[in-house]
Amino acid sequence: MGQKSSDSILKTFRTIIREEGFSRLYRGIIPPILVEAPKRAIKFGANDQYTRIYKQILPPSFPLPLAMVTGVSAGCTEALVVVSFDLVKIR
């Protein structure tokens, strides 16, 4: 029978670390982090602002709907801001 894929993955990690060093596992991680950090900052900042706004509108007995509405609103805000930059990046 063949080798389990998890054994194969672990063997690959060991080989990379042995031959190229541990830091090689993180090669190329900086650009994605630099892209993700502003996206998450926009989303969490928008979520905080929407929470303040919706708390004034919704009754306090609605914690789950409040979380859902603020999350959706923050996600939409993030999408509106980020999509334009992604389009520029793609083109």
PDB file of N, CA and C in Angstrom:
ATOM      1  N   MET A   1       0.815  -1.186   0.000  1.00  0.00           N
ATOM      2  CA  MET A   1       0.000   0.000   0.000  1.00  0.00           C
ATOM      3  C   MET A   1       0.867   1.262   0.000  1.00  0.00           C
ATOM      4  N   GLY A   2       0.323   2.354  -0.508  1.00  0.00           N
ATOM      5  CA  GLY A   2       1.078   3.592  -0.626  1.00  0.00           C
ATOM      6  C   GLY A   2       1.243   4.324   0.688  1.00  0.00           C
ATOM      7  N   GLN A   3       2.123   5.278   0.661  1.00  0.00           N
ATOM      8  CA  GLN A   3       2.394   6.092   1.839  1.00  0.00           C
ATOM      9  C   GLN A   3       1.255   7.071   2.079  1.00  0.00           C
ATOM     10  N   LYS A   4       0.929   7.315   3.357  1.00  0.00           N
ATOM     11  CA  LYS A   4      -0.120   8.291   3.664  1.00  0.00           C
ATOM     12  C   LYS A   4       0.353   9.679   3.257  1.00  0.00           C
ATOM     13  N   SER A   5      -0.589  10.521   2.825  1.00  0.00           N
ATOM     14  CA  SER A   5      -0.200  11.866   2.378  1.00  0.00           C
ATOM     15  C   SER A   5       0.371  12.694   3.512  1.00  0.00           C
ATOM     16  N   SER A   6      -0.094  12.480   4.752  1.00  0.00           N
ATOM     17  CA  SER A   6       0.452  13.246   5.877  1.00  0.00           C
ATOM     18  C   SER A   6       1.914  12.879   6.106  1.00  0.00           C
ATOM     19  N   ASP A   7       2.279  11.595   5.904  1.00  0.00           N
ATOM     20  CA  ASP A   7       3.686  11.196   6.012  1.00  0.00           C
ATOM     21  C   ASP A   7       4.512  11.887   4.938  1.00  0.00           C
ATOM     22  N   SER A   8       3.952  11.971   3.739  1.00  0.00           N
ATOM     23  CA  SER A   8       4.634  12.602   2.620  1.00  0.00           C
ATOM     24  C   SER A   8       4.852  14.094   2.873  1.00  0.00           C
ATOM     25  N   ILE A   9       3.831  14.734   3.436  1.00  0.00           N
ATOM     26  CA  ILE A   9       3.947  16.172   3.738  1.00  0.00           C
ATOM     27  C   ILE A   9       5.012  16.408   4.797  1.00  0.00           C
ATOM     28  N   LEU A  10       4.990  15.598   5.857  1.00  0.00           N
ATOM     29  CA  LEU A  10       6.003  15.744   6.911  1.00  0.00           C
ATOM     30  C   LEU A  10       7.405  15.483   6.374  1.00  0.00           C
ATOM     31  N   LYS A  11       7.530  14.494   5.508  1.00  0.00           N
ATOM     32  CA  LYS A  11       8.831  14.207   4.900  1.00  0.00           C
ATOM     33  C   LYS A  11       9.308  15.396   4.070  1.00  0.00           C
ATOM     34  N   THR A  12       8.389  16.008   3.335  1.00  0.00           N
ATOM     35  CA  THR A  12       8.731  17.182   2.523  1.00  0.00           C
ATOM     36  C   THR A  12       9.199  18.336   3.406  1.00  0.00           C
ATOM     37  N   PHE A  13       8.471  18.597   4.511  1.00  0.00           N
ATOM     38  CA  PHE A  13       8.887  19.657   5.435  1.00  0.00           C
ATOM     39  C   PHE A  13      10.278  19.374   6.003  1.00  0.00           C
ATOM     40  N   ARG A  14      10.511  18.141   6.411  1.00  0.00           N
ATOM     41  CA  ARG A  14      11.826  17.790   6.966  1.00  0.00           C
ATOM     42  C   ARG A  14      12.937  18.003   5.935  1.00  0.00           C
ATOM     43  N   THR A  15      12.672  17.608   4.705  1.00  0.00           N
ATOM     44  CA  THR A  15      13.670  17.763   3.645  1.00  0.00           C
ATOM     45  C   THR A  15      13.978  19.234   3.391  1.00  0.00           C
ATOM     46  N   ILE A  16      12.937  20.059   3.324  1.00  0.00           N
ATOM     47  CA  ILE A  16      13.146  21.495   3.098  1.00  0.00           C
ATOM     48  C   ILE A  16      13.954  22.100   4.237  1.00  0.00           C
ATOM     49  N   ILE A  17      13.582  21.772   5.474  1.00  0.00           N
ATOM     50  CA  ILE A  17      14.288  22.336   6.628  1.00  0.00           C
ATOM     51  C   ILE A  17      15.733  21.866   6.652  1.00  0.00           C
ATOM     52  N   ARG A  18      15.963  20.598   6.375  1.00  0.00           N
ATOM     53  CA  ARG A  18      17.322  20.053   6.403  1.00  0.00           C
ATOM     54  C   ARG A  18      18.192  20.657   5.295  1.00  0.00           C
ATOM     55  N   GLU A  19      17.649  20.767   4.082  1.00  0.00           N
ATOM     56  CA  GLU A  19      18.458  21.193   2.941  1.00  0.00           C
ATOM     57  C   GLU A  19      18.534  22.709   2.758  1.00  0.00           C
ATOM     58  N   GLU A  20      17.461  23.411   3.133  1.00  0.00           N
ATOM     59  CA  GLU A  20      17.432  24.848   2.854  1.00  0.00           C
ATOM     60  C   GLU A  20      17.290  25.723   4.099  1.00  0.00           C
ATOM     61  N   GLY A  21      16.961  25.122   5.230  1.00  0.00           N
ATOM     62  CA  GLY A  21      16.817  25.884   6.459  1.00  0.00           C
ATOM     63  C   GLY A  21      15.358  26.187   6.771  1.00  0.00           C
ATOM     64  N   PHE A  22      15.093  26.384   8.060  1.00  0.00           N
ATOM     65  CA  PHE A  22      13.726  26.617   8.533  1.00  0.00           C
ATOM     66  C   PHE A  22      13.100  27.871   7.927  1.00  0.00           C
ATOM     67  N   SER A  23      13.897  28.911   7.766  1.00  0.00           N
ATOM     68  CA  SER A  23      13.361  30.184   7.252  1.00  0.00           C
ATOM     69  C   SER A  23      12.813  30.058   5.835  1.00  0.00           C
ATOM     70  N   ARG A  24      13.234  29.037   5.111  1.00  0.00           N
ATOM     71  CA  ARG A  24      12.760  28.846   3.734  1.00  0.00           C
ATOM     72  C   ARG A  24      11.266  28.546   3.684  1.00  0.00           C
ATOM     73  N   LEU A  25      10.716  28.018   4.779  1.00  0.00           N
ATOM     74  CA  LEU A  25       9.279  27.740   4.841  1.00  0.00           C
ATOM     75  C   LEU A  25       8.462  29.031   4.761  1.00  0.00           C
ATOM     76  N   TYR A  26       9.070  30.143   5.145  1.00  0.00           N
ATOM     77  CA  TYR A  26       8.362  31.424   5.176  1.00  0.00           C
ATOM     78  C   TYR A  26       8.781  32.358   4.052  1.00  0.00           C
ATOM     79  N   ARG A  27       9.492  31.840   3.074  1.00  0.00           N
ATOM     80  CA  ARG A  27       9.917  32.661   1.947  1.00  0.00           C
ATOM     81  C   ARG A  27       8.686  33.162   1.195  1.00  0.00           C
ATOM     82  N   GLY A  28       8.613  34.446   0.944  1.00  0.00           N
ATOM     83  CA  GLY A  28       7.506  35.020   0.200  1.00  0.00           C
ATOM     84  C   GLY A  28       6.282  35.355   1.033  1.00  0.00           C
ATOM     85  N   ILE A  29       6.393  35.308   2.362  1.00  0.00           N
ATOM     86  CA  ILE A  29       5.229  35.553   3.208  1.00  0.00           C
ATOM     87  C   ILE A  29       4.962  37.056   3.408  1.00  0.00           C
ATOM     88  N   ILE A  30       5.961  37.880   3.249  1.00  0.00           N
ATOM     89  CA  ILE A  30       5.806  39.322   3.524  1.00  0.00           C
ATOM     90  C   ILE A  30       4.778  39.982   2.598  1.00  0.00           C
ATOM     91  N   PRO A  31       4.811  39.797   1.281  1.00  0.00           N
ATOM     92  CA  PRO A  31       3.800  40.455   0.440  1.00  0.00           C
ATOM     93  C   PRO A  31       2.346  40.106   0.801  1.00  0.00           C
ATOM     94  N   PRO A  32       2.010  38.835   1.043  1.00  0.00           N
ATOM     95  CA  PRO A  32       0.628  38.563   1.437  1.00  0.00           C
ATOM     96  C   PRO A  32       0.244  39.203   2.771  1.00  0.00           C
ATOM     97  N   ILE A  33       1.197  39.253   3.699  1.00  0.00           N
ATOM     98  CA  ILE A  33       0.905  39.900   4.988  1.00  0.00           C
ATOM     99  C   ILE A  33       0.658  41.385   4.780  1.00  0.00           C
ATOM    100  N   LEU A  34       1.457  42.017   3.927  1.00  0.00           N
ATOM    101  CA  LEU A  34       1.276  43.444   3.673  1.00  0.00           C
ATOM    102  C   LEU A  34      -0.051  43.741   2.975  1.00  0.00           C
ATOM    103  N   VAL A  35      -0.580  42.779   2.244  1.00  0.00           N
ATOM    104  CA  VAL A  35      -1.877  42.950   1.598  1.00  0.00           C
ATOM    105  C   VAL A  35      -3.007  42.684   2.584  1.00  0.00           C
ATOM    106  N   GLU A  36      -2.862  41.651   3.402  1.00  0.00           N
ATOM    107  CA  GLU A  36      -3.926  41.253   4.319  1.00  0.00           C
ATOM    108  C   GLU A  36      -4.091  42.228   5.487  1.00  0.00           C
ATOM    109  N   ALA A  37      -3.023  42.778   5.995  1.00  0.00           N
ATOM    110  CA  ALA A  37      -3.111  43.653   7.176  1.00  0.00           C
ATOM    111  C   ALA A  37      -4.042  44.839   6.945  1.00  0.00           C
ATOM    112  N   PRO A  38      -3.902  45.603   5.855  1.00  0.00           N
ATOM    113  CA  PRO A  38      -4.840  46.712   5.641  1.00  0.00           C
ATOM    114  C   PRO A  38      -6.287  46.250   5.436  1.00  0.00           C
ATOM    115  N   LYS A  39      -6.464  45.098   4.766  1.00  0.00           N
ATOM    116  CA  LYS A  39      -7.820  44.584   4.558  1.00  0.00           C
ATOM    117  C   LYS A  39      -8.485  44.280   5.896  1.00  0.00           C
ATOM    118  N   ARG A  40      -7.756  43.629   6.779  1.00  0.00           N
ATOM    119  CA  ARG A  40      -8.315  43.291   8.096  1.00  0.00           C
ATOM    120  C   ARG A  40      -8.525  44.549   8.937  1.00  0.00           C
ATOM    121  N   ALA A  41      -7.630  45.509   8.809  1.00  0.00           N
ATOM    122  CA  ALA A  41      -7.798  46.759   9.555  1.00  0.00           C
ATOM    123  C   ALA A  41      -9.067  47.479   9.115  1.00  0.00           C
ATOM    124  N   ILE A  42      -9.326  47.490   7.815  1.00  0.00           N
ATOM    125  CA  ILE A  42     -10.553  48.104   7.300  1.00  0.00           C
ATOM    126  C   ILE A  42     -11.770  47.370   7.835  1.00  0.00           C
ATOM    127  N   LYS A  43     -11.724  46.051   7.785  1.00  0.00           N
ATOM    128  CA  LYS A  43     -12.875  45.257   8.215  1.00  0.00           C
ATOM    129  C   LYS A  43     -13.156  45.431   9.712  1.00  0.00           C
ATOM    130  N   PHE A  44     -12.116  45.338  10.554  1.00  0.00           N
ATOM    131  CA  PHE A  44     -12.329  45.474  11.994  1.00  0.00           C
ATOM    132  C   PHE A  44     -12.712  46.896  12.378  1.00  0.00           C
ATOM    133  N   GLY A  45     -12.114  47.883  11.719  1.00  0.00           N
ATOM    134  CA  GLY A  45     -12.487  49.275  11.985  1.00  0.00           C
ATOM    135  C   GLY A  45     -13.923  49.551  11.587  1.00  0.00           C
ATOM    136  N   ALA A  46     -14.324  49.049  10.422  1.00  0.00           N
ATOM    137  CA  ALA A  46     -15.707  49.217   9.970  1.00  0.00           C
ATOM    138  C   ALA A  46     -16.658  48.490  10.904  1.00  0.00           C
ATOM    139  N   ASN A  47     -16.280  47.307  11.357  1.00  0.00           N
ATOM    140  CA  ASN A  47     -17.123  46.544  12.276  1.00  0.00           C
ATOM    141  C   ASN A  47     -17.353  47.332  13.569  1.00  0.00           C
ATOM    142  N   ASP A  48     -16.319  47.945  14.070  1.00  0.00           N
ATOM    143  CA  ASP A  48     -16.439  48.754  15.294  1.00  0.00           C
ATOM    144  C   ASP A  48     -17.367  49.942  15.073  1.00  0.00           C
ATOM    145  N   GLN A  49     -17.205  50.626  13.959  1.00  0.00           N
ATOM    146  CA  GLN A  49     -18.054  51.783  13.675  1.00  0.00           C
ATOM    147  C   GLN A  49     -19.514  51.373  13.474  1.00  0.00           C
ATOM    148  N   TYR A  50     -19.727  50.294  12.723  1.00  0.00           N
ATOM    149  CA  TYR A  50     -21.104  49.832  12.507  1.00  0.00           C
ATOM    150  C   TYR A  50     -21.750  49.365  13.805  1.00  0.00           C
ATOM    151  N   THR A  51     -20.971  48.769  14.691  1.00  0.00           N
ATOM    152  CA  THR A  51     -21.510  48.346  15.993  1.00  0.00           C
ATOM    153  C   THR A  51     -22.039  49.556  16.751  1.00  0.00           C
ATOM    154  N   ARG A  52     -21.277  50.621  16.763  1.00  0.00           N
ATOM    155  CA  ARG A  52     -21.726  51.852  17.450  1.00  0.00           C
ATOM    156  C   ARG A  52     -23.004  52.408  16.827  1.00  0.00           C
ATOM    157  N   ILE A  53     -23.050  52.414  15.507  1.00  0.00           N
ATOM    158  CA  ILE A  53     -24.222  52.959  14.809  1.00  0.00           C
ATOM    159  C   ILE A  53     -25.453  52.092  15.055  1.00  0.00           C
ATOM    160  N   TYR A  54     -25.295  50.773  14.877  1.00  0.00           N
ATOM    161  CA  TYR A  54     -26.447  49.880  14.994  1.00  0.00           C
ATOM    162  C   TYR A  54     -26.933  49.727  16.432  1.00  0.00           C
ATOM    163  N   LYS A  55     -26.055  49.930  17.407  1.00  0.00           N
ATOM    164  CA  LYS A  55     -26.498  49.874  18.808  1.00  0.00           C
ATOM    165  C   LYS A  55     -27.491  50.992  19.112  1.00  0.00           C
ATOM    166  N   GLN A  56     -27.365  52.091  18.393  1.00  0.00           N
ATOM    167  CA  GLN A  56     -28.308  53.199  18.587  1.00  0.00           C
ATOM    168  C   GLN A  56     -29.642  52.904  17.900  1.00  0.00           C
ATOM    169  N   ILE A  57     -29.634  52.074  16.873  1.00  0.00           N
ATOM    170  CA  ILE A  57     -30.833  51.795  16.096  1.00  0.00           C
ATOM    171  C   ILE A  57     -31.583  50.572  16.633  1.00  0.00           C
ATOM    172  N   LEU A  58     -30.823  49.480  16.883  1.00  0.00           N
ATOM    173  CA  LEU A  58     -31.449  48.227  17.310  1.00  0.00           C
ATOM    174  C   LEU A  58     -31.646  48.188  18.820  1.00  0.00           C
ATOM    175  N   PRO A  59     -32.683  47.512  19.289  1.00  0.00           N
ATOM    176  CA  PRO A  59     -32.853  47.361  20.736  1.00  0.00           C
ATOM    177  C   PRO A  59     -31.745  46.486  21.326  1.00  0.00           C
ATOM    178  N   PRO A  60     -31.373  46.704  22.592  1.00  0.00           N
ATOM    179  CA  PRO A  60     -30.262  45.955  23.189  1.00  0.00           C
ATOM    180  C   PRO A  60     -30.537  44.461  23.360  1.00  0.00           C
ATOM    181  N   SER A  61     -31.771  44.036  23.203  1.00  0.00           N
ATOM    182  CA  SER A  61     -32.102  42.620  23.377  1.00  0.00           C
ATOM    183  C   SER A  61     -31.803  41.799  22.128  1.00  0.00           C
ATOM    184  N   PHE A  62     -31.132  42.380  21.121  1.00  0.00           N
ATOM    185  CA  PHE A  62     -30.837  41.686  19.868  1.00  0.00           C
ATOM    186  C   PHE A  62     -29.329  41.525  19.647  1.00  0.00           C
ATOM    187  N   PRO A  63     -28.615  40.794  20.511  1.00  0.00           N
ATOM    188  CA  PRO A  63     -27.158  40.710  20.322  1.00  0.00           C
ATOM    189  C   PRO A  63     -26.750  39.933  19.062  1.00  0.00           C
ATOM    190  N   LEU A  64     -27.434  38.842  18.745  1.00  0.00           N
ATOM    191  CA  LEU A  64     -27.065  38.064  17.563  1.00  0.00           C
ATOM    192  C   LEU A  64     -27.364  38.819  16.270  1.00  0.00           C
ATOM    193  N   PRO A  65     -28.570  39.381  16.105  1.00  0.00           N
ATOM    194  CA  PRO A  65     -28.798  40.184  14.893  1.00  0.00           C
ATOM    195  C   PRO A  65     -27.824  41.361  14.777  1.00  0.00           C
ATOM    196  N   LEU A  66     -27.471  41.953  15.918  1.00  0.00           N
ATOM    197  CA  LEU A  66     -26.508  43.062  15.891  1.00  0.00           C
ATOM    198  C   LEU A  66     -25.175  42.576  15.332  1.00  0.00           C
ATOM    199  N   ALA A  67     -24.700  41.436  15.810  1.00  0.00           N
ATOM    200  CA  ALA A  67     -23.430  40.890  15.327  1.00  0.00           C
ATOM    201  C   ALA A  67     -23.510  40.551  13.844  1.00  0.00           C
ATOM    202  N   MET A  68     -24.637  39.997  13.422  1.00  0.00           N
ATOM    203  CA  MET A  68     -24.787  39.630  12.015  1.00  0.00           C
ATOM    204  C   MET A  68     -24.817  40.860  11.118  1.00  0.00           C
ATOM    205  N   VAL A  69     -25.576  41.859  11.492  1.00  0.00           N
ATOM    206  CA  VAL A  69     -25.703  43.065  10.672  1.00  0.00           C
ATOM    207  C   VAL A  69     -24.381  43.819  10.612  1.00  0.00           C
ATOM    208  N   THR A  70     -23.694  43.933  11.741  1.00  0.00           N
ATOM    209  CA  THR A  70     -22.410  44.638  11.727  1.00  0.00           C
ATOM    210  C   THR A  70     -21.375  43.866  10.922  1.00  0.00           C
ATOM    211  N   GLY A  71     -21.372  42.529  11.034  1.00  0.00           N
ATOM    212  CA  GLY A  71     -20.424  41.716  10.271  1.00  0.00           C
ATOM    213  C   GLY A  71     -20.640  41.817   8.774  1.00  0.00           C
ATOM    214  N   VAL A  72     -21.902  41.756   8.364  1.00  0.00           N
ATOM    215  CA  VAL A  72     -22.214  41.875   6.932  1.00  0.00           C
ATOM    216  C   VAL A  72     -21.851  43.267   6.425  1.00  0.00           C
ATOM    217  N   SER A  73     -22.184  44.277   7.192  1.00  0.00           N
ATOM    218  CA  SER A  73     -21.871  45.653   6.777  1.00  0.00           C
ATOM    219  C   SER A  73     -20.364  45.865   6.668  1.00  0.00           C
ATOM    220  N   ALA A  74     -19.624  45.355   7.650  1.00  0.00           N
ATOM    221  CA  ALA A  74     -18.164  45.494   7.615  1.00  0.00           C
ATOM    222  C   ALA A  74     -17.583  44.728   6.434  1.00  0.00           C
ATOM    223  N   GLY A  75     -18.115  43.539   6.154  1.00  0.00           N
ATOM    224  CA  GLY A  75     -17.643  42.772   5.004  1.00  0.00           C
ATOM    225  C   GLY A  75     -17.909  43.480   3.691  1.00  0.00           C
ATOM    226  N   CYS A  76     -19.086  44.092   3.585  1.00  0.00           N
ATOM    227  CA  CYS A  76     -19.412  44.843   2.358  1.00  0.00           C
ATOM    228  C   CYS A  76     -18.504  46.058   2.203  1.00  0.00           C
ATOM    229  N   THR A  77     -18.241  46.738   3.310  1.00  0.00           N
ATOM    230  CA  THR A  77     -17.348  47.899   3.259  1.00  0.00           C
ATOM    231  C   THR A  77     -15.953  47.469   2.828  1.00  0.00           C
ATOM    232  N   GLU A  78     -15.458  46.389   3.416  1.00  0.00           N
ATOM    233  CA  GLU A  78     -14.144  45.879   3.035  1.00  0.00           C
ATOM    234  C   GLU A  78     -14.118  45.541   1.550  1.00  0.00           C
ATOM    235  N   ALA A  79     -15.159  44.878   1.080  1.00  0.00           N
ATOM    236  CA  ALA A  79     -15.215  44.484  -0.335  1.00  0.00           C
ATOM    237  C   ALA A  79     -15.209  45.706  -1.241  1.00  0.00           C
ATOM    238  N   LEU A  80     -15.971  46.729  -0.890  1.00  0.00           N
ATOM    239  CA  LEU A  80     -16.018  47.933  -1.721  1.00  0.00           C
ATOM    240  C   LEU A  80     -14.664  48.619  -1.802  1.00  0.00           C
ATOM    241  N   VAL A  81     -13.959  48.652  -0.689  1.00  0.00           N
ATOM    242  CA  VAL A  81     -12.655  49.317  -0.667  1.00  0.00           C
ATOM    243  C   VAL A  81     -11.600  48.458  -1.355  1.00  0.00           C
ATOM    244  N   VAL A  82     -11.593  47.165  -1.053  1.00  0.00           N
ATOM    245  CA  VAL A  82     -10.530  46.286  -1.522  1.00  0.00           C
ATOM    246  C   VAL A  82     -10.680  45.918  -2.995  1.00  0.00           C
ATOM    247  N   VAL A  83     -11.905  45.764  -3.480  1.00  0.00           N
ATOM    248  CA  VAL A  83     -12.112  45.328  -4.860  1.00  0.00           C
ATOM    249  C   VAL A  83     -11.463  46.298  -5.840  1.00  0.00           C
ATOM    250  N   SER A  84     -11.570  47.570  -5.582  1.00  0.00           N
ATOM    251  CA  SER A  84     -10.968  48.532  -6.514  1.00  0.00           C
ATOM    252  C   SER A  84      -9.452  48.355  -6.574  1.00  0.00           C
ATOM    253  N   PHE A  85      -8.814  48.115  -5.421  1.00  0.00           N
ATOM    254  CA  PHE A  85      -7.365  47.906  -5.428  1.00  0.00           C
ATOM    255  C   PHE A  85      -6.995  46.584  -6.092  1.00  0.00           C
ATOM    256  N   ASP A  86      -7.823  45.559  -5.889  1.00  0.00           N
ATOM    257  CA  ASP A  86      -7.578  44.280  -6.534  1.00  0.00           C
ATOM    258  C   ASP A  86      -7.701  44.385  -8.053  1.00  0.00           C
ATOM    259  N   LEU A  87      -8.664  45.163  -8.518  1.00  0.00           N
ATOM    260  CA  LEU A  87      -8.802  45.358  -9.959  1.00  0.00           C
ATOM    261  C   LEU A  87      -7.584  46.035 -10.553  1.00  0.00           C
ATOM    262  N   VAL A  88      -7.063  47.036  -9.847  1.00  0.00           N
ATOM    263  CA  VAL A  88      -5.860  47.720 -10.313  1.00  0.00           C
ATOM    264  C   VAL A  88      -4.687  46.751 -10.327  1.00  0.00           C
ATOM    265  N   LYS A  89      -4.583  45.922  -9.285  1.00  0.00           N
ATOM    266  CA  LYS A  89      -3.491  44.952  -9.197  1.00  0.00           C
ATOM    267  C   LYS A  89      -3.562  43.929 -10.325  1.00  0.00           C
ATOM    268  N   ILE A  90      -4.759  43.470 -10.642  1.00  0.00           N
ATOM    269  CA  ILE A  90      -4.938  42.470 -11.691  1.00  0.00           C
ATOM    270  C   ILE A  90      -4.619  43.038 -13.064  1.00  0.00           C
ATOM    271  N   ARG A  91      -5.049  44.244 -13.295  1.00  0.00           N
ATOM    272  CA  ARG A  91      -4.828  44.851 -14.619  1.00  0.00           C
ATOM    273  C   ARG A  91      -3.409  45.314 -14.744  1.00  0.00           C
TER     274      ARG A  91
END
